[in-house]
Amino acid sequence: METYQSEFEFRLPIGYPDGDGTLHRRAVLRKMRGHEEAVLYDPTLSGGALVTGLLAGCLVRLGTLPAVGREAVSGLYSADRNYLLLELRRITLGDRMPAVYACPGCGARVAVTEDLGALPVRRLEDGEPLPEIHLALADGYTDRRGVRHTELTLSLPRGVDEEFVAPMVARDPLKAQDALMLRCIRRFGELPRSALEAYGVKILRDLTLGDRRLLQAGFNDRTPGVDFMRMVSCGACGSTFSGVLDVSHFFVAG
């Protein structure tokens, strides 16, 4: 008789740090049910809240935490949340997923079937410190005293940050991007925290476009998590281009 598997265990790319300094990296999921499908169709939920709702319903255990609630799911790093979404999709609907990419060369829509099990995942090594991003901007920000600030330290975003900026995405995606960045800045040169809190978005808007690209690249390069960047071949014009797998289509059966 075939053994039925109701729970699936995974190792998080980063892990959930609790208040006692313990990093919880073992996550146990169960398949999505109709309750979670209803979350997908709830028009009152922003993108961040939707992800939290899905994972809170399907995350059975997280390390040695006595219980897993929405607060813990919101406290997970975004890299871990995306990884759990990927694995939730795989155990619920399988590895094959249809995806469509727009060719930047000729504009053709390129339909492919992705193998979600083949997506590379970078994990922290045991004992490796929690990730921080250290950047040196080319131009930097010059404050009212004429002091130029170029060195930044950023933390990786978490679910609570996604939930905060998600309502802005539809109205002003650039503002949402800057708000998320601001929440992740731990140090910006010698600027006091009060200045960042008072003028944060304005400071980010005063940066040159090159520096803003450096900031975005800092979040996307060499950080733990799933690599959603795919190389796609266009049958219409013969070119090969890079595209990002759209996780919003994870729960379309393939």
Protein backbone atom coordinates (compact mmCIF):
# COMPACT_ATOMS: atom_id res chain seq x y z
CA MET A 1 0.00 0.00 0.00
CA GLU A 2 1.33 3.42 -0.95
CA THR A 3 2.20 5.61 2.03
CA TYR A 4 0.38 8.93 2.06
CA GLN A 5 2.53 11.95 2.87
CA SER A 6 0.66 14.76 4.57
CA GLU A 7 3.60 16.92 5.69
CA PHE A 8 6.73 18.06 3.85
CA GLU A 9 9.90 19.31 5.53
CA PHE A 10 12.24 21.95 4.08
CA ARG A 11 15.34 23.86 5.12
CA LEU A 12 14.96 27.63 4.80
CA PRO A 13 17.58 29.63 2.90
CA ILE A 14 18.02 32.01 5.86
CA GLY A 15 15.81 31.08 8.80
CA TYR A 16 13.65 32.79 11.39
CA PRO A 17 15.59 34.46 14.25
CA ASP A 18 13.55 34.53 17.44
CA GLY A 19 13.96 36.88 20.39
CA ASP A 20 16.30 34.45 22.16
CA GLY A 21 18.86 34.40 19.35
CA THR A 22 17.86 30.99 17.96
CA LEU A 23 17.71 30.67 14.18
CA HIS A 24 14.88 28.35 13.13
CA ARG A 25 15.53 26.87 9.68
CA ARG A 26 13.34 23.75 9.62
CA ALA A 27 9.93 24.42 8.08
CA VAL A 28 7.12 21.90 7.64
CA LEU A 29 4.35 22.55 5.11
CA ARG A 30 1.12 20.81 4.22
CA LYS A 31 -0.67 21.08 0.89
CA MET A 32 -3.05 23.95 0.18
CA ARG A 33 -6.73 23.32 0.78
CA GLY A 34 -9.85 25.17 -0.19
CA HIS A 35 -9.38 27.50 2.78
CA GLU A 36 -6.15 28.78 1.28
CA GLU A 37 -7.63 28.92 -2.22
CA ALA A 38 -10.21 31.31 -0.81
CA VAL A 39 -7.34 33.54 0.35
CA LEU A 40 -6.20 33.83 -3.29
CA TYR A 41 -9.57 35.33 -4.22
CA ASP A 42 -9.92 37.72 -1.27
CA PRO A 43 -10.01 41.21 -2.86
CA THR A 44 -9.33 42.92 0.46
CA LEU A 45 -5.83 41.45 0.79
CA SER A 46 -2.73 43.20 -0.51
CA GLY A 47 0.04 41.10 -2.01
CA GLY A 48 2.03 40.93 1.22
CA ALA A 49 -0.99 40.05 3.33
CA LEU A 50 -2.02 37.39 0.80
CA VAL A 51 1.37 35.66 1.06
CA THR A 52 1.16 35.81 4.85
CA GLY A 53 -2.33 34.30 4.78
CA LEU A 54 -1.31 31.45 2.50
CA LEU A 55 1.78 30.54 4.50
CA ALA A 56 0.09 30.95 7.89
CA GLY A 57 -2.52 28.42 6.76
CA CYS A 58 -0.06 25.85 5.44
CA LEU A 59 3.03 26.23 7.66
CA VAL A 60 2.64 23.45 10.23
CA ARG A 61 5.90 23.90 12.14
CA LEU A 62 8.80 26.32 12.17
CA GLY A 63 11.88 25.08 13.95
CA THR A 64 11.20 24.57 17.64
CA LEU A 65 8.67 27.38 17.97
CA PRO A 66 5.73 26.21 20.09
CA ALA A 67 3.25 27.63 17.57
CA VAL A 68 3.33 29.26 14.14
CA GLY A 69 1.05 32.24 13.71
CA ARG A 70 0.77 35.19 11.40
CA GLU A 71 3.31 37.17 13.45
CA ALA A 72 6.04 34.58 12.83
CA VAL A 73 5.16 34.35 9.13
CA SER A 74 5.32 38.15 8.85
CA GLY A 75 8.70 38.05 10.56
CA LEU A 76 10.22 35.69 8.00
CA TYR A 77 12.67 37.12 5.51
CA SER A 78 11.15 37.70 2.07
CA ALA A 79 13.68 35.23 0.63
CA ASP A 80 12.32 32.52 2.94
CA ARG A 81 8.70 33.45 2.18
CA ASN A 82 9.34 33.19 -1.57
CA TYR A 83 11.08 29.87 -1.05
CA LEU A 84 8.15 28.53 0.97
CA LEU A 85 5.72 29.71 -1.71
CA LEU A 86 7.75 27.82 -4.29
CA GLU A 87 7.72 24.62 -2.22
CA LEU A 88 4.03 25.05 -1.40
CA ARG A 89 3.27 25.25 -5.09
CA ARG A 90 5.41 22.18 -5.81
CA ILE A 91 3.80 19.95 -3.17
CA THR A 92 0.29 21.13 -4.05
CA LEU A 93 0.30 21.30 -7.86
CA GLY A 94 3.59 19.75 -8.97
CA ASP A 95 6.79 20.99 -10.56
CA ARG A 96 5.55 21.87 -14.05
CA MET A 97 4.27 25.43 -14.44
CA PRO A 98 3.36 27.34 -17.59
CA ALA A 99 5.01 30.73 -17.89
CA VAL A 100 4.98 33.51 -20.48
CA TYR A 101 7.81 35.98 -21.09
CA ALA A 102 7.87 39.05 -23.33
CA CYS A 103 10.83 39.12 -25.72
CA PRO A 104 12.55 42.54 -25.42
CA GLY A 105 13.86 42.21 -28.97
CA CYS A 106 10.71 41.66 -31.01
CA GLY A 107 7.91 41.87 -28.42
CA ALA A 108 6.74 38.29 -28.99
CA ARG A 109 5.14 36.41 -26.11
CA VAL A 110 7.25 33.33 -25.40
CA ALA A 111 5.37 30.48 -23.68
CA VAL A 112 7.45 27.88 -21.83
CA THR A 113 6.85 25.21 -19.22
CA GLU A 114 9.11 25.73 -16.23
CA ASP A 115 10.45 22.94 -14.02
CA LEU A 116 10.14 24.47 -10.55
CA GLY A 117 12.25 21.71 -9.05
CA ALA A 118 15.22 22.89 -11.13
CA LEU A 119 15.29 26.46 -9.76
CA PRO A 120 18.57 27.05 -7.92
CA VAL A 121 18.41 27.96 -4.22
CA ARG A 122 21.21 29.60 -2.27
CA ARG A 123 21.21 28.86 1.47
CA LEU A 124 23.27 30.26 4.30
CA GLU A 125 25.88 27.83 5.50
CA ASP A 126 25.62 26.65 9.11
CA GLY A 127 27.17 29.32 11.31
CA GLU A 128 27.14 31.92 8.56
CA PRO A 129 25.95 35.28 9.96
CA LEU A 130 22.60 36.71 9.00
CA PRO A 131 22.99 38.59 5.73
CA GLU A 132 23.60 42.30 5.53
CA ILE A 133 24.22 44.28 2.37
CA HIS A 134 27.13 46.73 2.36
CA LEU A 135 27.25 49.17 -0.54
CA ALA A 136 29.44 52.04 -1.65
CA LEU A 137 27.49 54.47 -3.85
CA ALA A 138 29.26 56.22 -6.71
CA ASP A 139 27.70 59.66 -6.15
CA GLY A 140 26.00 59.39 -2.77
CA TYR A 141 23.77 61.88 -0.98
CA THR A 142 24.91 65.38 -0.02
CA ASP A 143 23.12 66.71 3.04
CA ARG A 144 22.30 70.33 3.93
CA ARG A 145 25.70 70.80 5.55
CA GLY A 146 27.45 69.78 2.34
CA VAL A 147 28.56 66.39 3.73
CA ARG A 148 28.46 63.58 1.17
CA HIS A 149 27.29 60.15 2.38
CA THR A 150 28.13 57.10 0.26
CA GLU A 151 28.35 54.03 2.52
CA LEU A 152 25.19 52.02 3.24
CA THR A 153 24.32 48.99 5.30
CA LEU A 154 20.99 47.32 4.57
CA SER A 155 19.15 44.36 5.98
CA LEU A 156 17.10 42.05 3.81
CA PRO A 157 13.34 42.74 3.72
CA ARG A 158 10.86 40.67 5.71
CA GLY A 159 7.20 39.90 5.38
CA VAL A 160 6.23 42.77 7.63
CA ASP A 161 7.99 45.13 5.21
CA GLU A 162 6.16 43.60 2.24
CA GLU A 163 2.85 44.05 4.02
CA PHE A 164 3.64 47.70 4.81
CA VAL A 165 4.41 48.70 1.22
CA ALA A 166 1.98 46.40 -0.62
CA PRO A 167 -0.99 48.84 -0.54
CA MET A 168 1.18 51.42 -2.36
CA VAL A 169 2.17 49.17 -5.25
CA ALA A 170 -0.89 49.69 -7.45
CA ARG A 171 -1.08 53.46 -6.85
CA ASP A 172 2.63 54.34 -6.94
CA PRO A 173 5.04 51.44 -7.53
CA LEU A 174 8.11 53.69 -7.34
CA LYS A 175 7.02 55.01 -3.94
CA ALA A 176 6.48 51.42 -2.78
CA GLN A 177 9.97 50.48 -3.96
CA ASP A 178 11.51 53.44 -2.12
CA ALA A 179 9.50 52.79 1.03
CA LEU A 180 10.69 49.18 1.10
CA MET A 181 14.28 50.28 0.58
CA LEU A 182 14.00 52.85 3.36
CA ARG A 183 12.73 50.25 5.84
CA CYS A 184 15.80 48.12 5.12
CA ILE A 185 18.45 50.84 5.54
CA ARG A 186 20.34 50.35 8.80
CA ARG A 187 23.05 52.93 8.17
CA PHE A 188 23.54 55.60 5.51
CA GLY A 189 26.91 57.25 5.96
CA GLU A 190 26.81 59.46 9.04
CA LEU A 191 23.18 60.48 8.63
CA PRO A 192 21.31 60.31 11.95
CA ARG A 193 18.35 57.96 12.15
CA SER A 194 16.04 60.92 12.71
CA ALA A 195 17.01 62.36 9.30
CA LEU A 196 16.31 59.07 7.57
CA GLU A 197 12.90 58.81 9.21
CA ALA A 198 12.00 62.43 8.42
CA TYR A 199 13.39 62.74 4.87
CA GLY A 200 13.96 59.13 3.86
CA VAL A 201 12.03 58.93 0.59
CA LYS A 202 13.27 62.40 -0.45
CA ILE A 203 16.85 61.27 0.24
CA LEU A 204 16.37 58.23 -1.99
CA ARG A 205 14.83 60.38 -4.74
CA ASP A 206 17.85 62.72 -4.60
CA LEU A 207 20.17 59.83 -5.49
CA THR A 208 21.42 59.57 -9.05
CA LEU A 209 19.86 56.90 -11.24
CA GLY A 210 23.13 54.98 -11.21
CA ASP A 211 23.16 54.85 -7.41
CA ARG A 212 19.52 53.77 -7.35
CA ARG A 213 20.42 50.92 -9.69
CA LEU A 214 23.24 49.95 -7.35
CA LEU A 215 20.77 49.79 -4.47
CA GLN A 216 18.40 47.55 -6.40
CA ALA A 217 21.23 45.30 -7.51
CA GLY A 218 22.35 44.97 -3.90
CA PHE A 219 19.05 43.29 -3.04
CA ASN A 220 19.10 41.04 -6.06
CA ASP A 221 22.73 39.90 -6.22
CA ARG A 222 24.43 37.31 -4.04
CA THR A 223 21.66 37.16 -1.45
CA PRO A 224 20.17 33.89 -0.18
CA GLY A 225 16.99 32.51 -1.66
CA VAL A 226 15.54 31.20 -4.90
CA ASP A 227 17.01 32.44 -8.17
CA PHE A 228 13.93 33.27 -10.25
CA MET A 229 15.96 34.63 -13.17
CA ARG A 230 15.47 32.47 -16.26
CA MET A 231 17.19 32.38 -19.64
CA VAL A 232 14.56 32.25 -22.39
CA SER A 233 14.93 31.61 -26.12
CA CYS A 234 12.57 33.44 -28.49
CA GLY A 235 11.41 31.29 -31.38
CA ALA A 236 10.21 34.33 -33.31
CA CYS A 237 13.48 36.27 -33.58
CA GLY A 238 16.00 33.72 -32.33
CA SER A 239 17.35 35.86 -29.50
CA THR A 240 18.02 34.69 -25.94
CA PHE A 241 17.08 36.97 -23.07
CA SER A 242 16.73 36.91 -19.30
CA GLY A 243 13.33 37.06 -17.61
CA VAL A 244 12.04 36.80 -14.06
CA LEU A 245 9.60 34.01 -13.26
CA ASP A 246 6.31 35.57 -12.15
CA VAL A 247 5.51 34.11 -8.73
CA SER A 248 1.98 35.51 -8.88
CA HIS A 249 1.20 32.62 -11.26
CA PHE A 250 2.47 29.96 -8.89
CA PHE A 251 -0.96 28.53 -8.22
CA VAL A 252 -2.01 28.05 -11.82
CA ALA A 253 -1.97 24.30 -12.42
CA GLY A 254 0.55 23.13 -15.02
